[in-house]
Amino acid sequence: MDEMEKLQLLTGESNTALLSLLLEDAKDFVLSYTNRTELHSTLQKTVRDLAVIALNRMGTEGEAGRSEGGESYSFENAPKHIYDVLDRYRLARIGGRTYETKKEPPETVPPQDGSAG
């Protein structure tokens, strides 16, 4: 199941263009916040969670809180547990640069056919 299908299942939303945009924005936020160029696989759920939060907050952009019908709601940027996860994968900037370990492709070893040189 891909991320779009998971998000559709979680939200019940059928507008795939909207969900795709929300996933892309959430991924961009995660990459920017963590100072990374590639998304670590363990951050996929965090991206999905941020997309769900963004979908649920549509129509309330810019509000810090709301009170109606005797009920009050407050909005925070993102729940603390999301920032806790992101902080674990955040790369430090040193001298204005970020150093991210890149995975090198495995070295190819020529096949040995049993004959010596």
N, C-alpha and C. Protein backbone atom coordinates (compact mmCIF):
# COMPACT_ATOMS: atom_id res chain seq x y z
N MET A 1 0.86 -1.18 0.00
CA MET A 1 0.00 0.00 0.00
C MET A 1 0.90 1.23 0.00
N ASP A 2 0.67 2.15 -0.95
CA ASP A 2 1.51 3.34 -1.01
C ASP A 2 0.97 4.41 -0.06
N GLU A 3 1.70 5.52 0.06
CA GLU A 3 1.35 6.57 1.01
C GLU A 3 0.00 7.20 0.69
N MET A 4 -0.32 7.35 -0.60
CA MET A 4 -1.59 7.94 -1.00
C MET A 4 -2.75 7.06 -0.53
N GLU A 5 -2.63 5.76 -0.73
CA GLU A 5 -3.69 4.83 -0.30
C GLU A 5 -3.84 4.85 1.21
N LYS A 6 -2.74 4.91 1.93
CA LYS A 6 -2.80 4.97 3.39
C LYS A 6 -3.50 6.25 3.84
N LEU A 7 -3.18 7.36 3.20
CA LEU A 7 -3.79 8.64 3.56
C LEU A 7 -5.28 8.64 3.24
N GLN A 8 -5.65 8.06 2.12
CA GLN A 8 -7.07 7.95 1.77
C GLN A 8 -7.81 7.10 2.80
N LEU A 9 -7.20 6.02 3.21
CA LEU A 9 -7.81 5.13 4.19
C LEU A 9 -7.98 5.83 5.54
N LEU A 10 -6.97 6.60 5.94
CA LEU A 10 -7.02 7.30 7.23
C LEU A 10 -8.04 8.42 7.25
N THR A 11 -8.19 9.12 6.13
CA THR A 11 -9.01 10.33 6.12
C THR A 11 -10.38 10.17 5.48
N GLY A 12 -10.52 9.18 4.60
CA GLY A 12 -11.76 9.03 3.87
C GLY A 12 -11.89 10.02 2.73
N GLU A 13 -10.85 10.79 2.49
CA GLU A 13 -10.85 11.80 1.42
C GLU A 13 -10.58 11.11 0.08
N SER A 14 -11.36 11.49 -0.93
CA SER A 14 -11.20 10.86 -2.25
C SER A 14 -10.48 11.76 -3.25
N ASN A 15 -10.27 13.03 -2.91
CA ASN A 15 -9.61 13.97 -3.81
C ASN A 15 -8.10 13.69 -3.80
N THR A 16 -7.65 12.90 -4.77
CA THR A 16 -6.24 12.50 -4.78
C THR A 16 -5.30 13.66 -5.08
N ALA A 17 -5.78 14.65 -5.84
CA ALA A 17 -4.94 15.82 -6.12
C ALA A 17 -4.65 16.59 -4.83
N LEU A 18 -5.67 16.76 -4.00
CA LEU A 18 -5.51 17.45 -2.72
C LEU A 18 -4.58 16.66 -1.80
N LEU A 19 -4.81 15.35 -1.70
CA LEU A 19 -3.98 14.52 -0.84
C LEU A 19 -2.54 14.50 -1.31
N SER A 20 -2.33 14.47 -2.61
CA SER A 20 -0.98 14.49 -3.16
C SER A 20 -0.27 15.79 -2.79
N LEU A 21 -0.98 16.90 -2.89
CA LEU A 21 -0.41 18.20 -2.53
C LEU A 21 -0.07 18.24 -1.05
N LEU A 22 -0.97 17.73 -0.20
CA LEU A 22 -0.72 17.72 1.24
C LEU A 22 0.48 16.85 1.59
N LEU A 23 0.60 15.69 0.94
CA LEU A 23 1.76 14.82 1.18
C LEU A 23 3.05 15.49 0.73
N GLU A 24 3.01 16.15 -0.43
CA GLU A 24 4.20 16.82 -0.95
C GLU A 24 4.63 17.96 -0.02
N ASP A 25 3.65 18.76 0.44
CA ASP A 25 3.96 19.85 1.36
C ASP A 25 4.52 19.33 2.68
N ALA A 26 3.94 18.26 3.20
CA ALA A 26 4.41 17.67 4.45
C ALA A 26 5.83 17.14 4.29
N LYS A 27 6.10 16.49 3.15
CA LYS A 27 7.45 15.97 2.90
C LYS A 27 8.45 17.12 2.80
N ASP A 28 8.08 18.20 2.10
CA ASP A 28 8.96 19.36 2.00
C ASP A 28 9.24 19.97 3.37
N PHE A 29 8.22 20.02 4.23
CA PHE A 29 8.41 20.54 5.58
C PHE A 29 9.38 19.67 6.36
N VAL A 30 9.20 18.36 6.30
CA VAL A 30 10.06 17.43 7.04
C VAL A 30 11.50 17.55 6.55
N LEU A 31 11.72 17.59 5.25
CA LEU A 31 13.07 17.72 4.71
C LEU A 31 13.70 19.04 5.13
N SER A 32 12.93 20.11 5.08
CA SER A 32 13.45 21.42 5.47
C SER A 32 13.78 21.46 6.96
N TYR A 33 12.88 20.94 7.78
CA TYR A 33 13.09 20.98 9.23
C TYR A 33 14.29 20.13 9.64
N THR A 34 14.47 18.99 8.99
CA THR A 34 15.55 18.08 9.37
C THR A 34 16.86 18.39 8.64
N ASN A 35 16.84 19.36 7.73
CA ASN A 35 18.03 19.73 6.95
C ASN A 35 18.53 18.58 6.08
N ARG A 36 17.63 17.78 5.57
CA ARG A 36 17.99 16.63 4.75
C ARG A 36 17.57 16.87 3.31
N THR A 37 18.18 16.10 2.41
CA THR A 37 17.81 16.17 1.00
C THR A 37 17.00 14.95 0.59
N GLU A 38 17.09 13.88 1.37
CA GLU A 38 16.33 12.67 1.10
C GLU A 38 15.57 12.28 2.35
N LEU A 39 14.36 11.78 2.15
CA LEU A 39 13.51 11.40 3.27
C LEU A 39 13.92 10.05 3.82
N HIS A 40 14.23 10.01 5.10
CA HIS A 40 14.56 8.76 5.78
C HIS A 40 13.28 7.94 5.86
N SER A 41 13.36 6.66 5.62
CA SER A 41 12.17 5.80 5.54
C SER A 41 11.34 5.82 6.84
N THR A 42 11.98 6.02 7.97
CA THR A 42 11.25 6.04 9.23
C THR A 42 10.44 7.33 9.42
N LEU A 43 10.62 8.30 8.53
CA LEU A 43 9.86 9.55 8.63
C LEU A 43 8.59 9.54 7.78
N GLN A 44 8.32 8.44 7.08
CA GLN A 44 7.12 8.36 6.24
C GLN A 44 5.85 8.56 7.05
N LYS A 45 5.78 7.95 8.23
CA LYS A 45 4.58 8.10 9.07
C LYS A 45 4.43 9.53 9.54
N THR A 46 5.53 10.19 9.85
CA THR A 46 5.48 11.58 10.27
C THR A 46 4.95 12.46 9.14
N VAL A 47 5.39 12.21 7.92
CA VAL A 47 4.88 12.95 6.76
C VAL A 47 3.37 12.73 6.63
N ARG A 48 2.95 11.50 6.76
CA ARG A 48 1.53 11.17 6.67
C ARG A 48 0.74 11.87 7.78
N ASP A 49 1.26 11.85 9.01
CA ASP A 49 0.60 12.52 10.13
C ASP A 49 0.44 14.02 9.87
N LEU A 50 1.49 14.64 9.34
CA LEU A 50 1.41 16.07 9.03
C LEU A 50 0.39 16.35 7.94
N ALA A 51 0.29 15.46 6.97
CA ALA A 51 -0.70 15.63 5.90
C ALA A 51 -2.12 15.52 6.47
N VAL A 52 -2.34 14.59 7.39
CA VAL A 52 -3.66 14.44 8.02
C VAL A 52 -3.99 15.69 8.82
N ILE A 53 -3.03 16.20 9.56
CA ILE A 53 -3.24 17.43 10.35
C ILE A 53 -3.60 18.59 9.43
N ALA A 54 -2.88 18.72 8.32
CA ALA A 54 -3.15 19.81 7.38
C ALA A 54 -4.55 19.68 6.79
N LEU A 55 -4.96 18.46 6.46
CA LEU A 55 -6.30 18.24 5.92
C LEU A 55 -7.36 18.61 6.95
N ASN A 56 -7.16 18.19 8.19
CA ASN A 56 -8.13 18.48 9.24
C ASN A 56 -8.22 19.96 9.58
N ARG A 57 -7.16 20.71 9.33
CA ARG A 57 -7.14 22.14 9.66
C ARG A 57 -7.55 23.03 8.50
N MET A 58 -7.91 22.43 7.38
CA MET A 58 -8.33 23.25 6.25
C MET A 58 -9.56 24.07 6.65
N GLY A 59 -9.52 25.35 6.35
CA GLY A 59 -10.61 26.25 6.72
C GLY A 59 -10.37 26.96 8.03
N THR A 60 -9.34 26.54 8.77
CA THR A 60 -9.04 27.21 10.04
C THR A 60 -7.65 27.82 10.01
N GLU A 61 -7.10 28.01 8.81
CA GLU A 61 -5.76 28.56 8.69
C GLU A 61 -5.68 29.92 9.39
N GLY A 62 -4.62 30.13 10.13
CA GLY A 62 -4.38 31.41 10.80
C GLY A 62 -5.05 31.53 12.16
N GLU A 63 -5.88 30.57 12.53
CA GLU A 63 -6.55 30.64 13.82
C GLU A 63 -5.68 30.00 14.90
N ALA A 64 -5.66 30.63 16.09
CA ALA A 64 -4.96 30.05 17.22
C ALA A 64 -5.93 29.25 18.07
N GLY A 65 -7.20 29.60 17.97
CA GLY A 65 -8.20 28.89 18.74
C GLY A 65 -9.59 29.28 18.25
N ARG A 66 -10.58 28.54 18.72
CA ARG A 66 -11.95 28.79 18.29
C ARG A 66 -12.87 28.34 19.41
N SER A 67 -13.94 29.09 19.59
CA SER A 67 -14.94 28.70 20.57
C SER A 67 -16.31 28.84 19.93
N GLU A 68 -17.06 27.76 19.93
CA GLU A 68 -18.41 27.81 19.37
C GLU A 68 -19.26 26.73 20.03
N GLY A 69 -20.48 27.04 20.24
CA GLY A 69 -21.41 26.07 20.82
C GLY A 69 -21.00 25.57 22.19
N GLY A 70 -20.34 26.40 22.97
CA GLY A 70 -19.91 25.99 24.29
C GLY A 70 -18.65 25.13 24.30
N GLU A 71 -18.08 24.87 23.13
CA GLU A 71 -16.84 24.09 23.06
C GLU A 71 -15.73 24.99 22.54
N SER A 72 -14.55 24.81 23.09
CA SER A 72 -13.42 25.60 22.59
C SER A 72 -12.33 24.66 22.09
N TYR A 73 -11.68 25.11 21.05
CA TYR A 73 -10.62 24.34 20.42
C TYR A 73 -9.39 25.23 20.32
N SER A 74 -8.23 24.66 20.54
CA SER A 74 -6.99 25.41 20.32
C SER A 74 -6.14 24.64 19.33
N PHE A 75 -5.42 25.39 18.52
CA PHE A 75 -4.58 24.80 17.47
C PHE A 75 -3.13 25.10 17.79
N GLU A 76 -2.30 24.10 17.64
CA GLU A 76 -0.87 24.31 17.77
C GLU A 76 -0.26 24.03 16.40
N ASN A 77 0.99 24.43 16.21
CA ASN A 77 1.62 24.23 14.91
C ASN A 77 1.61 22.75 14.52
N ALA A 78 2.14 21.93 15.35
CA ALA A 78 2.11 20.48 15.17
C ALA A 78 2.28 19.89 16.57
N PRO A 79 1.70 18.75 16.83
CA PRO A 79 1.84 18.15 18.16
C PRO A 79 3.31 17.89 18.53
N LYS A 80 3.58 17.95 19.80
CA LYS A 80 4.94 17.78 20.31
C LYS A 80 5.56 16.46 19.87
N HIS A 81 4.76 15.38 19.81
CA HIS A 81 5.34 14.09 19.46
C HIS A 81 5.90 14.09 18.03
N ILE A 82 5.35 14.91 17.16
CA ILE A 82 5.88 15.00 15.79
C ILE A 82 7.25 15.68 15.82
N TYR A 83 7.35 16.78 16.56
CA TYR A 83 8.65 17.45 16.67
C TYR A 83 9.68 16.56 17.37
N ASP A 84 9.25 15.75 18.32
CA ASP A 84 10.16 14.82 18.99
C ASP A 84 10.78 13.85 17.98
N VAL A 85 9.96 13.34 17.07
CA VAL A 85 10.46 12.42 16.04
C VAL A 85 11.38 13.17 15.07
N LEU A 86 10.95 14.33 14.62
CA LEU A 86 11.76 15.10 13.67
C LEU A 86 13.11 15.49 14.26
N ASP A 87 13.13 15.83 15.53
CA ASP A 87 14.38 16.24 16.18
C ASP A 87 15.41 15.11 16.19
N ARG A 88 14.94 13.86 16.25
CA ARG A 88 15.88 12.73 16.24
C ARG A 88 16.61 12.60 14.90
N TYR A 89 16.01 13.09 13.84
CA TYR A 89 16.59 12.96 12.51
C TYR A 89 17.12 14.28 11.96
N ARG A 90 17.12 15.31 12.78
CA ARG A 90 17.56 16.63 12.35
C ARG A 90 19.09 16.67 12.28
N LEU A 91 19.58 17.18 11.15
CA LEU A 91 21.02 17.34 10.98
C LEU A 91 21.44 18.74 11.40
N ALA A 92 22.57 18.83 12.08
CA ALA A 92 23.08 20.12 12.52
C ALA A 92 23.71 20.85 11.34
N ARG A 93 23.61 22.15 11.38
CA ARG A 93 24.28 22.97 10.37
C ARG A 93 25.58 23.47 10.98
N ILE A 94 26.66 23.31 10.24
CA ILE A 94 27.98 23.73 10.70
C ILE A 94 28.53 24.69 9.67
N GLY A 95 28.78 25.92 10.11
CA GLY A 95 29.31 26.91 9.18
C GLY A 95 28.39 27.15 7.99
N GLY A 96 27.08 27.05 8.22
CA GLY A 96 26.12 27.27 7.15
C GLY A 96 25.93 26.09 6.22
N ARG A 97 26.59 24.97 6.52
CA ARG A 97 26.46 23.77 5.69
C ARG A 97 25.93 22.62 6.51
N THR A 98 25.26 21.73 5.80
CA THR A 98 24.76 20.50 6.42
C THR A 98 25.46 19.33 5.77
N TYR A 99 25.93 18.42 6.58
CA TYR A 99 26.64 17.25 6.06
C TYR A 99 25.77 16.02 6.26
N GLU A 100 25.29 15.50 5.16
CA GLU A 100 24.41 14.33 5.17
C GLU A 100 25.15 13.16 4.56
N THR A 101 25.14 12.04 5.25
CA THR A 101 25.81 10.85 4.74
C THR A 101 25.02 10.31 3.56
N LYS A 102 25.71 10.14 2.46
CA LYS A 102 25.08 9.57 1.27
C LYS A 102 25.42 8.10 1.21
N LYS A 103 24.45 7.30 0.82
CA LYS A 103 24.71 5.88 0.65
C LYS A 103 25.43 5.68 -0.67
N GLU A 104 26.56 5.05 -0.59
CA GLU A 104 27.33 4.74 -1.79
C GLU A 104 26.82 3.43 -2.37
N PRO A 105 26.76 3.34 -3.69
CA PRO A 105 26.35 2.06 -4.27
C PRO A 105 27.39 1.01 -3.94
N PRO A 106 26.98 -0.23 -3.75
CA PRO A 106 27.96 -1.27 -3.41
C PRO A 106 28.93 -1.47 -4.56
N GLU A 107 30.16 -1.75 -4.17
CA GLU A 107 31.18 -2.00 -5.19
C GLU A 107 30.85 -3.28 -5.92
N THR A 108 31.05 -3.25 -7.21
CA THR A 108 30.81 -4.46 -7.98
C THR A 108 32.11 -5.25 -8.07
N VAL A 109 32.00 -6.49 -7.76
CA VAL A 109 33.15 -7.39 -7.82
C VAL A 109 33.01 -8.21 -9.10
N PRO A 110 34.06 -8.22 -9.92
CA PRO A 110 33.94 -8.99 -11.17
C PRO A 110 33.71 -10.45 -10.86
N PRO A 111 32.88 -11.11 -11.64
CA PRO A 111 32.61 -12.53 -11.37
C PRO A 111 33.88 -13.34 -11.57
N GLN A 112 34.01 -14.30 -10.71
CA GLN A 112 35.18 -15.17 -10.81
C GLN A 112 34.79 -16.43 -11.57
N ASP A 113 35.48 -16.65 -12.67
CA ASP A 113 35.14 -17.80 -13.49
C ASP A 113 36.06 -19.00 -13.23
N GLY A 114 36.88 -18.88 -12.21
CA GLY A 114 37.73 -20.01 -11.84
C GLY A 114 39.07 -20.00 -12.53
N SER A 115 39.28 -19.16 -13.54
CA SER A 115 40.56 -19.13 -14.23
C SER A 115 41.41 -18.02 -13.64
N ALA A 116 42.66 -18.26 -13.48
CA ALA A 116 43.59 -17.28 -12.95
C ALA A 116 44.25 -16.57 -14.12
N GLY A 117 44.22 -15.23 -14.09
CA GLY A 117 44.76 -14.31 -14.97
C GLY A 117 45.45 -14.55 -16.14
